[in-house]
Amino acid sequence: MKPEVKAFFDDATNTISFVVKDPNSSSCAVIDSVLDFDYSSGRTDTASADEVIAYVKDNNLKVEWLLESHVHADHLSAAPYIQEQVGGKIGIGENITIVQDTFGKVFNEGTEFQRDGSQFDALFKEGDSFHIGQMRGDVLHTPGHTPACLTYVIGDAAFVGDTLFMPDFGTARCDFPGGSSEVLYNSIQKILALPDETRIFVGHDYKAPGRDDYAWETTVAEQKAANVHVGSGKDKDAFVKMRDERDATLAMPKLIIPSLQVNMRAGQMPEPDEKGDVFLKVPVNKL
């Protein structure tokens, strides 16, 4: 089955969100939505999410799933806001519990912060399946960037989050807590074992040097042949060396501190204080 895919590119974070529709019904899923956030003022905005919602309503679609490929470190999820407007169940990988435990400590969260994934409606593991209308989706556990990363294989399309980028840009960083370049290499091999014609939709694009336009769709065959980090049969040892050396030069994402606190709560803000005010923490020398 060939799902209908509508992409939404967020200029501020280079994130691509997707609406994935069953071609034989009005059912759809939203993958990796974005809540706009201005760090300098601490203000949120729903313009990006509202664009997705407008598309859903204008096309009379029924949202069944709000899927997260992982706990994003570079943008806030708008899943709860979209859920309020158009419904859908929020799903993520079952290893969210590892992420919650890790960053619950980093952000000094109290015992009131649940680390069991209960903020989400569904926790997926390797081999699980779900449906969007009559269209089946299958779950691949593809950690390495984070412990909870998933690839959603829906019909002839695979939504890989940050695991792979466009072939001319390569692969995800692995230096966040719980990340591993060796594990990422193994996860990528699972994706590359899909049929060559499988469409791959990436979660970010940073427009590699020499390319004029942003892009987010490729294929397994193109990744195997041309990915600058893992294509043409590059072996694990070479990949791990390259990835670890490259990651050592990278700065933290600009929105990592608010993103992690919100996204590990399924897109919800921390509980407000007695006055109804919400606060995010800034850990010093922790990331």
C-alpha atoms as a PDB file:
ATOM      1  CA  MET A   1       0.000   0.000   0.000  1.00  0.00           C
ATOM      2  CA  LYS A   2       1.207   3.488  -0.837  1.00  0.00           C
ATOM      3  CA  PRO A   3       0.227   6.057   1.816  1.00  0.00           C
ATOM      4  CA  GLU A   4      -0.382   9.644   0.840  1.00  0.00           C
ATOM      5  CA  VAL A   5       2.245  11.820   2.536  1.00  0.00           C
ATOM      6  CA  LYS A   6       2.020  15.568   3.120  1.00  0.00           C
ATOM      7  CA  ALA A   7       5.140  17.245   4.522  1.00  0.00           C
ATOM      8  CA  PHE A   8       5.392  20.424   6.608  1.00  0.00           C
ATOM      9  CA  PHE A   9       8.839  22.041   6.884  1.00  0.00           C
ATOM     10  CA  ASP A  10       9.636  24.148   9.947  1.00  0.00           C
ATOM     11  CA  ASP A  11      12.257  26.752   9.046  1.00  0.00           C
ATOM     12  CA  ALA A  12      13.198  27.555  12.652  1.00  0.00           C
ATOM     13  CA  THR A  13      14.268  23.993  13.510  1.00  0.00           C
ATOM     14  CA  ASN A  14      14.704  22.348  10.079  1.00  0.00           C
ATOM     15  CA  THR A  15      12.119  19.787  11.178  1.00  0.00           C
ATOM     16  CA  ILE A  16       9.765  18.020   8.813  1.00  0.00           C
ATOM     17  CA  SER A  17       6.392  16.899  10.171  1.00  0.00           C
ATOM     18  CA  PHE A  18       4.249  14.525   8.162  1.00  0.00           C
ATOM     19  CA  VAL A  19       0.566  13.782   7.722  1.00  0.00           C
ATOM     20  CA  VAL A  20       0.318  10.191   6.521  1.00  0.00           C
ATOM     21  CA  LYS A  21      -3.043   9.218   5.026  1.00  0.00           C
ATOM     22  CA  ASP A  22      -4.608   5.868   4.240  1.00  0.00           C
ATOM     23  CA  PRO A  23      -5.323   6.128   0.471  1.00  0.00           C
ATOM     24  CA  ASN A  24      -8.597   4.227   0.906  1.00  0.00           C
ATOM     25  CA  SER A  25     -10.117   6.247   3.741  1.00  0.00           C
ATOM     26  CA  SER A  26      -9.964   9.578   5.559  1.00  0.00           C
ATOM     27  CA  SER A  27      -7.786   8.141   8.344  1.00  0.00           C
ATOM     28  CA  CYS A  28      -4.341   9.627   8.926  1.00  0.00           C
ATOM     29  CA  ALA A  29      -1.463   9.950  11.356  1.00  0.00           C
ATOM     30  CA  VAL A  30       0.662  12.969  12.247  1.00  0.00           C
ATOM     31  CA  ILE A  31       4.359  12.257  12.726  1.00  0.00           C
ATOM     32  CA  ASP A  32       6.774  14.512  14.665  1.00  0.00           C
ATOM     33  CA  SER A  33       4.729  17.685  15.057  1.00  0.00           C
ATOM     34  CA  VAL A  34       6.257  21.015  16.120  1.00  0.00           C
ATOM     35  CA  LEU A  35       5.276  23.504  18.820  1.00  0.00           C
ATOM     36  CA  ASP A  36       6.994  26.813  18.081  1.00  0.00           C
ATOM     37  CA  PHE A  37       9.117  28.159  20.927  1.00  0.00           C
ATOM     38  CA  ASP A  38      11.072  31.393  21.257  1.00  0.00           C
ATOM     39  CA  TYR A  39      13.779  30.683  23.833  1.00  0.00           C
ATOM     40  CA  SER A  40      14.742  34.320  24.366  1.00  0.00           C
ATOM     41  CA  SER A  41      11.228  35.236  25.516  1.00  0.00           C
ATOM     42  CA  GLY A  42      10.062  31.821  26.760  1.00  0.00           C
ATOM     43  CA  ARG A  43       6.947  32.088  24.595  1.00  0.00           C
ATOM     44  CA  THR A  44       5.232  29.289  22.716  1.00  0.00           C
ATOM     45  CA  ASP A  45       3.289  29.650  19.481  1.00  0.00           C
ATOM     46  CA  THR A  46       1.085  27.206  17.592  1.00  0.00           C
ATOM     47  CA  ALA A  47       1.523  28.503  14.027  1.00  0.00           C
ATOM     48  CA  SER A  48       3.279  25.333  12.791  1.00  0.00           C
ATOM     49  CA  ALA A  49       0.772  23.026  14.467  1.00  0.00           C
ATOM     50  CA  ASP A  50      -2.138  25.130  13.226  1.00  0.00           C
ATOM     51  CA  GLU A  51      -0.944  24.608   9.664  1.00  0.00           C
ATOM     52  CA  VAL A  52      -1.157  20.846  10.190  1.00  0.00           C
ATOM     53  CA  ILE A  53      -4.569  21.144  11.849  1.00  0.00           C
ATOM     54  CA  ALA A  54      -5.892  23.301   9.004  1.00  0.00           C
ATOM     55  CA  TYR A  55      -4.752  20.695   6.475  1.00  0.00           C
ATOM     56  CA  VAL A  56      -6.482  17.939   8.449  1.00  0.00           C
ATOM     57  CA  LYS A  57      -9.736  19.891   8.705  1.00  0.00           C
ATOM     58  CA  ASP A  58      -9.695  21.190   5.124  1.00  0.00           C
ATOM     59  CA  ASN A  59      -9.364  17.634   3.845  1.00  0.00           C
ATOM     60  CA  ASN A  60     -11.854  16.142   6.295  1.00  0.00           C
ATOM     61  CA  LEU A  61      -9.264  13.773   7.706  1.00  0.00           C
ATOM     62  CA  LYS A  62      -9.551  11.668  10.835  1.00  0.00           C
ATOM     63  CA  VAL A  63      -6.399  11.676  12.970  1.00  0.00           C
ATOM     64  CA  GLU A  64      -5.905   8.265  14.534  1.00  0.00           C
ATOM     65  CA  TRP A  65      -2.285   8.585  15.667  1.00  0.00           C
ATOM     66  CA  LEU A  66       0.137  11.292  16.762  1.00  0.00           C
ATOM     67  CA  LEU A  67       3.445   9.485  16.438  1.00  0.00           C
ATOM     68  CA  GLU A  68       6.802  10.544  17.849  1.00  0.00           C
ATOM     69  CA  SER A  69       9.917   8.990  16.332  1.00  0.00           C
ATOM     70  CA  HIS A  70      11.832   9.795  19.559  1.00  0.00           C
ATOM     71  CA  VAL A  71      12.225  12.411  22.296  1.00  0.00           C
ATOM     72  CA  HIS A  72      13.419  15.313  20.166  1.00  0.00           C
ATOM     73  CA  ALA A  73      16.229  17.521  21.415  1.00  0.00           C
ATOM     74  CA  ASP A  74      15.786  20.292  18.862  1.00  0.00           C
ATOM     75  CA  HIS A  75      12.082  21.125  18.901  1.00  0.00           C
ATOM     76  CA  LEU A  76       9.051  20.843  21.145  1.00  0.00           C
ATOM     77  CA  SER A  77       6.250  18.445  20.264  1.00  0.00           C
ATOM     78  CA  ALA A  78       2.791  19.839  19.561  1.00  0.00           C
ATOM     79  CA  ALA A  79       1.100  16.451  19.980  1.00  0.00           C
ATOM     80  CA  PRO A  80      -1.113  17.393  22.970  1.00  0.00           C
ATOM     81  CA  TYR A  81      -2.275  20.596  21.267  1.00  0.00           C
ATOM     82  CA  ILE A  82      -3.131  18.774  18.041  1.00  0.00           C
ATOM     83  CA  GLN A  83      -4.831  16.044  20.063  1.00  0.00           C
ATOM     84  CA  GLU A  84      -7.062  18.656  21.703  1.00  0.00           C
ATOM     85  CA  GLN A  85      -8.078  20.028  18.300  1.00  0.00           C
ATOM     86  CA  VAL A  86      -8.500  16.921  16.150  1.00  0.00           C
ATOM     87  CA  GLY A  87      -7.948  13.825  18.318  1.00  0.00           C
ATOM     88  CA  GLY A  88      -5.575  10.918  17.922  1.00  0.00           C
ATOM     89  CA  LYS A  89      -3.508   8.763  20.288  1.00  0.00           C
ATOM     90  CA  ILE A  90       0.069   9.756  21.123  1.00  0.00           C
ATOM     91  CA  GLY A  91       2.626   6.991  20.589  1.00  0.00           C
ATOM     92  CA  ILE A  92       6.380   6.620  21.128  1.00  0.00           C
ATOM     93  CA  GLY A  93       8.919   3.850  21.757  1.00  0.00           C
ATOM     94  CA  GLU A  94       8.755   1.914  25.017  1.00  0.00           C
ATOM     95  CA  ASN A  95      12.311   2.954  25.855  1.00  0.00           C
ATOM     96  CA  ILE A  96      10.944   6.399  26.644  1.00  0.00           C
ATOM     97  CA  THR A  97      11.219   5.130  30.214  1.00  0.00           C
ATOM     98  CA  ILE A  98      15.030   5.082  29.876  1.00  0.00           C
ATOM     99  CA  VAL A  99      14.983   8.628  28.532  1.00  0.00           C
ATOM    100  CA  GLN A 100      12.667   9.779  31.319  1.00  0.00           C
ATOM    101  CA  ASP A 101      14.892   8.232  33.960  1.00  0.00           C
ATOM    102  CA  THR A 102      18.047   9.769  32.457  1.00  0.00           C
ATOM    103  CA  PHE A 103      16.703  13.270  32.028  1.00  0.00           C
ATOM    104  CA  GLY A 104      14.557  13.155  35.127  1.00  0.00           C
ATOM    105  CA  LYS A 105      17.891  13.139  36.941  1.00  0.00           C
ATOM    106  CA  VAL A 106      19.491  15.767  34.694  1.00  0.00           C
ATOM    107  CA  PHE A 107      16.604  18.180  35.343  1.00  0.00           C
ATOM    108  CA  ASN A 108      16.269  17.245  39.002  1.00  0.00           C
ATOM    109  CA  GLU A 109      12.631  16.250  38.637  1.00  0.00           C
ATOM    110  CA  GLY A 110      10.884  15.198  41.804  1.00  0.00           C
ATOM    111  CA  THR A 111       9.002  12.025  42.496  1.00  0.00           C
ATOM    112  CA  GLU A 112       5.855  13.551  41.010  1.00  0.00           C
ATOM    113  CA  PHE A 113       7.389  13.142  37.536  1.00  0.00           C
ATOM    114  CA  GLN A 114       6.357   9.700  36.360  1.00  0.00           C
ATOM    115  CA  ARG A 115       9.110   7.735  34.619  1.00  0.00           C
ATOM    116  CA  ASP A 116       6.914   4.914  33.340  1.00  0.00           C
ATOM    117  CA  GLY A 117       5.827   6.389  30.013  1.00  0.00           C
ATOM    118  CA  SER A 118       2.280   6.877  31.286  1.00  0.00           C
ATOM    119  CA  GLN A 119       2.105  10.361  29.730  1.00  0.00           C
ATOM    120  CA  PHE A 120       1.754   8.641  26.339  1.00  0.00           C
ATOM    121  CA  ASP A 121      -1.227   6.698  25.025  1.00  0.00           C
ATOM    122  CA  ALA A 122       0.848   3.911  23.477  1.00  0.00           C
ATOM    123  CA  LEU A 123       4.383   2.605  23.945  1.00  0.00           C
ATOM    124  CA  PHE A 124       5.690   0.659  20.948  1.00  0.00           C
ATOM    125  CA  LYS A 125       8.361  -2.026  20.808  1.00  0.00           C
ATOM    126  CA  GLU A 126      10.107  -3.861  17.988  1.00  0.00           C
ATOM    127  CA  GLY A 127       7.620  -5.872  15.945  1.00  0.00           C
ATOM    128  CA  ASP A 128       4.492  -4.039  17.080  1.00  0.00           C
ATOM    129  CA  SER A 129       1.958  -2.973  14.496  1.00  0.00           C
ATOM    130  CA  PHE A 130      -0.867  -0.447  14.352  1.00  0.00           C
ATOM    131  CA  HIS A 131      -3.431   0.684  11.813  1.00  0.00           C
ATOM    132  CA  ILE A 132      -4.313   3.950  10.128  1.00  0.00           C
ATOM    133  CA  GLY A 133      -7.688   3.093   8.696  1.00  0.00           C
ATOM    134  CA  GLN A 134      -7.059  -0.135   6.786  1.00  0.00           C
ATOM    135  CA  MET A 135      -3.365   0.649   6.368  1.00  0.00           C
ATOM    136  CA  ARG A 136      -0.942  -1.231   8.589  1.00  0.00           C
ATOM    137  CA  GLY A 137       2.109   0.326  10.203  1.00  0.00           C
ATOM    138  CA  ASP A 138       5.007  -1.702  11.577  1.00  0.00           C
ATOM    139  CA  VAL A 139       7.490  -0.651  14.233  1.00  0.00           C
ATOM    140  CA  LEU A 140      11.262  -0.981  14.006  1.00  0.00           C
ATOM    141  CA  HIS A 141      13.300  -0.145  17.098  1.00  0.00           C
ATOM    142  CA  THR A 142      16.213   1.890  15.696  1.00  0.00           C
ATOM    143  CA  PRO A 143      18.186   3.293  18.657  1.00  0.00           C
ATOM    144  CA  GLY A 144      21.587   4.934  18.592  1.00  0.00           C
ATOM    145  CA  HIS A 145      20.637   8.592  18.334  1.00  0.00           C
ATOM    146  CA  THR A 146      18.534   8.012  21.475  1.00  0.00           C
ATOM    147  CA  PRO A 147      17.502   4.765  23.225  1.00  0.00           C
ATOM    148  CA  ALA A 148      13.844   5.221  22.253  1.00  0.00           C
ATOM    149  CA  CYS A 149      14.167   5.948  18.515  1.00  0.00           C
ATOM    150  CA  LEU A 150      11.674   4.186  16.264  1.00  0.00           C
ATOM    151  CA  THR A 151      11.188   3.857  12.533  1.00  0.00           C
ATOM    152  CA  TYR A 152       7.574   3.611  11.437  1.00  0.00           C
ATOM    153  CA  VAL A 153       7.141   1.509   8.291  1.00  0.00           C
ATOM    154  CA  ILE A 154       3.750   2.363   6.838  1.00  0.00           C
ATOM    155  CA  GLY A 155       2.982   0.689   3.545  1.00  0.00           C
ATOM    156  CA  ASP A 156       5.857   1.460   1.169  1.00  0.00           C
ATOM    157  CA  ALA A 157       7.109   4.350   3.335  1.00  0.00           C
ATOM    158  CA  ALA A 158       9.528   4.431   6.289  1.00  0.00           C
ATOM    159  CA  PHE A 159       9.592   7.407   8.648  1.00  0.00           C
ATOM    160  CA  VAL A 160      13.059   7.299  10.196  1.00  0.00           C
ATOM    161  CA  GLY A 161      13.100  10.383  12.434  1.00  0.00           C
ATOM    162  CA  ASP A 162      16.702  11.481  12.993  1.00  0.00           C
ATOM    163  CA  THR A 163      18.330   8.100  12.349  1.00  0.00           C
ATOM    164  CA  LEU A 164      19.104   8.854   8.701  1.00  0.00           C
ATOM    165  CA  PHE A 165      19.184  12.150   6.840  1.00  0.00           C
ATOM    166  CA  MET A 166      19.252  12.735   3.094  1.00  0.00           C
ATOM    167  CA  PRO A 167      22.080  10.757   1.448  1.00  0.00           C
ATOM    168  CA  ASP A 168      24.240  13.849   0.935  1.00  0.00           C
ATOM    169  CA  PHE A 169      24.010  14.760   4.649  1.00  0.00           C
ATOM    170  CA  GLY A 170      24.437  11.398   6.338  1.00  0.00           C
ATOM    171  CA  THR A 171      23.302  10.231   9.744  1.00  0.00           C
ATOM    172  CA  ALA A 172      22.263  11.335  13.224  1.00  0.00           C
ATOM    173  CA  ARG A 173      24.587  12.353  16.036  1.00  0.00           C
ATOM    174  CA  CYS A 174      25.062   9.853  18.857  1.00  0.00           C
ATOM    175  CA  ASP A 175      26.550  11.908  21.692  1.00  0.00           C
ATOM    176  CA  PHE A 176      23.412  12.551  23.728  1.00  0.00           C
ATOM    177  CA  PRO A 177      23.039  10.513  26.956  1.00  0.00           C
ATOM    178  CA  GLY A 178      22.101   6.976  25.958  1.00  0.00           C
ATOM    179  CA  GLY A 179      23.347   7.393  22.388  1.00  0.00           C
ATOM    180  CA  SER A 180      25.803   5.042  20.661  1.00  0.00           C
ATOM    181  CA  SER A 181      27.401   5.180  17.225  1.00  0.00           C
ATOM    182  CA  GLU A 182      27.825   1.405  17.178  1.00  0.00           C
ATOM    183  CA  VAL A 183      24.149   0.885  18.010  1.00  0.00           C
ATOM    184  CA  LEU A 184      23.151   3.464  15.394  1.00  0.00           C
ATOM    185  CA  TYR A 185      25.104   1.625  12.701  1.00  0.00           C
ATOM    186  CA  ASN A 186      23.254  -1.593  13.520  1.00  0.00           C
ATOM    187  CA  SER A 187      19.904   0.235  13.478  1.00  0.00           C
ATOM    188  CA  ILE A 188      20.636   1.734  10.084  1.00  0.00           C
ATOM    189  CA  GLN A 189      21.313  -1.742   8.690  1.00  0.00           C
ATOM    190  CA  LYS A 190      17.770  -2.716   9.701  1.00  0.00           C
ATOM    191  CA  ILE A 191      16.399   0.202   7.685  1.00  0.00           C
ATOM    192  CA  LEU A 192      18.631  -0.573   4.706  1.00  0.00           C
ATOM    193  CA  ALA A 193      17.367  -4.173   4.760  1.00  0.00           C
ATOM    194  CA  LEU A 194      13.910  -2.949   3.718  1.00  0.00           C
ATOM    195  CA  PRO A 195      13.035  -3.322   0.017  1.00  0.00           C
ATOM    196  CA  ASP A 196      15.072  -1.004  -2.200  1.00  0.00           C
ATOM    197  CA  GLU A 197      11.992   0.819  -3.441  1.00  0.00           C
ATOM    198  CA  THR A 198      10.858   1.739   0.097  1.00  0.00           C
ATOM    199  CA  ARG A 199      10.388   5.476   0.368  1.00  0.00           C
ATOM    200  CA  ILE A 200      12.344   6.996   3.257  1.00  0.00           C
ATOM    201  CA  PHE A 201      11.104  10.196   4.890  1.00  0.00           C
ATOM    202  CA  VAL A 202      13.651  11.947   7.124  1.00  0.00           C
ATOM    203  CA  GLY A 203      12.851  14.080  10.154  1.00  0.00           C
ATOM    204  CA  HIS A 204      15.251  16.945   9.428  1.00  0.00           C
ATOM    205  CA  ASP A 205      17.081  18.484   6.513  1.00  0.00           C
ATOM    206  CA  TYR A 206      19.925  20.970   6.771  1.00  0.00           C
ATOM    207  CA  LYS A 207      20.524  21.336   3.007  1.00  0.00           C
ATOM    208  CA  ALA A 208      23.962  19.853   2.415  1.00  0.00           C
ATOM    209  CA  PRO A 209      26.555  22.105   0.707  1.00  0.00           C
ATOM    210  CA  GLY A 210      25.951  22.279  -3.014  1.00  0.00           C
ATOM    211  CA  ARG A 211      22.226  21.529  -2.784  1.00  0.00           C
ATOM    212  CA  ASP A 212      19.823  24.402  -3.475  1.00  0.00           C
ATOM    213  CA  ASP A 213      16.591  23.083  -1.985  1.00  0.00           C
ATOM    214  CA  TYR A 214      15.482  21.355   1.194  1.00  0.00           C
ATOM    215  CA  ALA A 215      14.537  17.715   0.738  1.00  0.00           C
ATOM    216  CA  TRP A 216      13.097  14.949   2.889  1.00  0.00           C
ATOM    217  CA  GLU A 217      12.212  12.001   0.647  1.00  0.00           C
ATOM    218  CA  THR A 218      14.637   9.397  -0.635  1.00  0.00           C
ATOM    219  CA  THR A 219      14.670   5.590  -0.986  1.00  0.00           C
ATOM    220  CA  VAL A 220      16.441   2.644   0.572  1.00  0.00           C
ATOM    221  CA  ALA A 221      18.295   2.091  -2.712  1.00  0.00           C
ATOM    222  CA  GLU A 222      19.523   5.694  -2.767  1.00  0.00           C
ATOM    223  CA  GLN A 223      20.659   5.504   0.856  1.00  0.00           C
ATOM    224  CA  LYS A 224      22.563   2.253   0.258  1.00  0.00           C
ATOM    225  CA  ALA A 225      24.285   3.659  -2.799  1.00  0.00           C
ATOM    226  CA  ALA A 226      25.019   7.230  -1.794  1.00  0.00           C
ATOM    227  CA  ASN A 227      24.690   7.997   1.921  1.00  0.00           C
ATOM    228  CA  VAL A 228      27.934   9.803   2.738  1.00  0.00           C
ATOM    229  CA  HIS A 229      28.255   8.068   6.119  1.00  0.00           C
ATOM    230  CA  VAL A 230      26.983   4.530   5.543  1.00  0.00           C
ATOM    231  CA  GLY A 231      26.505   4.096   1.791  1.00  0.00           C
ATOM    232  CA  SER A 232      28.541   1.936  -0.585  1.00  0.00           C
ATOM    233  CA  GLY A 233      29.052  -0.706   2.083  1.00  0.00           C
ATOM    234  CA  LYS A 234      31.024   1.373   4.597  1.00  0.00           C
ATOM    235  CA  ASP A 235      31.933  -0.858   7.536  1.00  0.00           C
ATOM    236  CA  LYS A 236      31.043  -0.374  11.173  1.00  0.00           C
ATOM    237  CA  ASP A 237      34.517   0.488  12.434  1.00  0.00           C
ATOM    238  CA  ALA A 238      34.931   3.302   9.911  1.00  0.00           C
ATOM    239  CA  PHE A 239      31.477   4.623  10.694  1.00  0.00           C
ATOM    240  CA  VAL A 240      31.988   4.593  14.464  1.00  0.00           C
ATOM    241  CA  LYS A 241      35.320   6.416  14.147  1.00  0.00           C
ATOM    242  CA  MET A 242      33.849   9.045  11.823  1.00  0.00           C
ATOM    243  CA  ARG A 243      30.677   9.527  13.877  1.00  0.00           C
ATOM    244  CA  ASP A 244      32.427   9.821  17.239  1.00  0.00           C
ATOM    245  CA  GLU A 245      35.008  12.276  15.916  1.00  0.00           C
ATOM    246  CA  ARG A 246      32.334  14.367  14.223  1.00  0.00           C
ATOM    247  CA  ASP A 247      30.056  14.393  17.263  1.00  0.00           C
ATOM    248  CA  ALA A 248      32.889  15.713  19.424  1.00  0.00           C
ATOM    249  CA  THR A 249      32.845  18.924  17.368  1.00  0.00           C
ATOM    250  CA  LEU A 250      29.080  19.570  17.534  1.00  0.00           C
ATOM    251  CA  ALA A 251      27.388  22.131  19.774  1.00  0.00           C
ATOM    252  CA  MET A 252      24.237  21.253  21.683  1.00  0.00           C
ATOM    253  CA  PRO A 253      20.980  22.026  19.822  1.00  0.00           C
ATOM    254  CA  LYS A 254      19.653  25.494  20.669  1.00  0.00           C
ATOM    255  CA  LEU A 255      16.379  24.171  22.083  1.00  0.00           C
ATOM    256  CA  ILE A 256      17.647  21.047  23.824  1.00  0.00           C
ATOM    257  CA  ILE A 257      16.856  22.275  27.366  1.00  0.00           C
ATOM    258  CA  PRO A 258      13.169  23.131  26.827  1.00  0.00           C
ATOM    259  CA  SER A 259      12.678  20.343  24.276  1.00  0.00           C
ATOM    260  CA  LEU A 260      13.743  17.499  26.532  1.00  0.00           C
ATOM    261  CA  GLN A 261      11.683  18.689  29.494  1.00  0.00           C
ATOM    262  CA  VAL A 262       8.546  19.007  27.381  1.00  0.00           C
ATOM    263  CA  ASN A 263       8.962  16.029  25.056  1.00  0.00           C
ATOM    264  CA  MET A 264       9.676  13.501  27.804  1.00  0.00           C
ATOM    265  CA  ARG A 265       6.231  14.537  29.106  1.00  0.00           C
ATOM    266  CA  ALA A 266       4.561  13.724  25.760  1.00  0.00           C
ATOM    267  CA  GLY A 267       4.588  17.388  24.771  1.00  0.00           C
ATOM    268  CA  GLN A 268       3.120  18.691  28.018  1.00  0.00           C
ATOM    269  CA  MET A 269       4.695  21.496  30.015  1.00  0.00           C
ATOM    270  CA  PRO A 270       5.802  20.827  33.612  1.00  0.00           C
ATOM    271  CA  GLU A 271       3.085  21.202  36.209  1.00  0.00           C
ATOM    272  CA  PRO A 272       2.281  24.860  36.992  1.00  0.00           C
ATOM    273  CA  ASP A 273       2.898  26.338  40.428  1.00  0.00           C
ATOM    274  CA  GLU A 274       0.164  27.466  42.797  1.00  0.00           C
ATOM    275  CA  LYS A 275      -0.285  30.666  40.752  1.00  0.00           C
ATOM    276  CA  GLY A 276      -0.672  28.764  37.515  1.00  0.00           C
ATOM    277  CA  ASP A 277       2.751  29.771  36.188  1.00  0.00           C
ATOM    278  CA  VAL A 278       4.919  27.259  34.317  1.00  0.00           C
ATOM    279  CA  PHE A 279       8.706  27.090  34.596  1.00  0.00           C
ATOM    280  CA  LEU A 280      11.453  25.202  32.805  1.00  0.00           C
ATOM    281  CA  LYS A 281      14.781  24.407  34.455  1.00  0.00           C
ATOM    282  CA  VAL A 282      18.287  25.106  33.156  1.00  0.00           C
ATOM    283  CA  PRO A 283      20.754  22.518  34.461  1.00  0.00           C
ATOM    284  CA  VAL A 284      24.261  23.925  34.794  1.00  0.00           C
ATOM    285  CA  ASN A 285      27.181  21.887  33.407  1.00  0.00           C
ATOM    286  CA  LYS A 286      24.970  18.836  32.878  1.00  0.00           C
ATOM    287  CA  LEU A 287      24.699  18.644  29.085  1.00  0.00           C
END
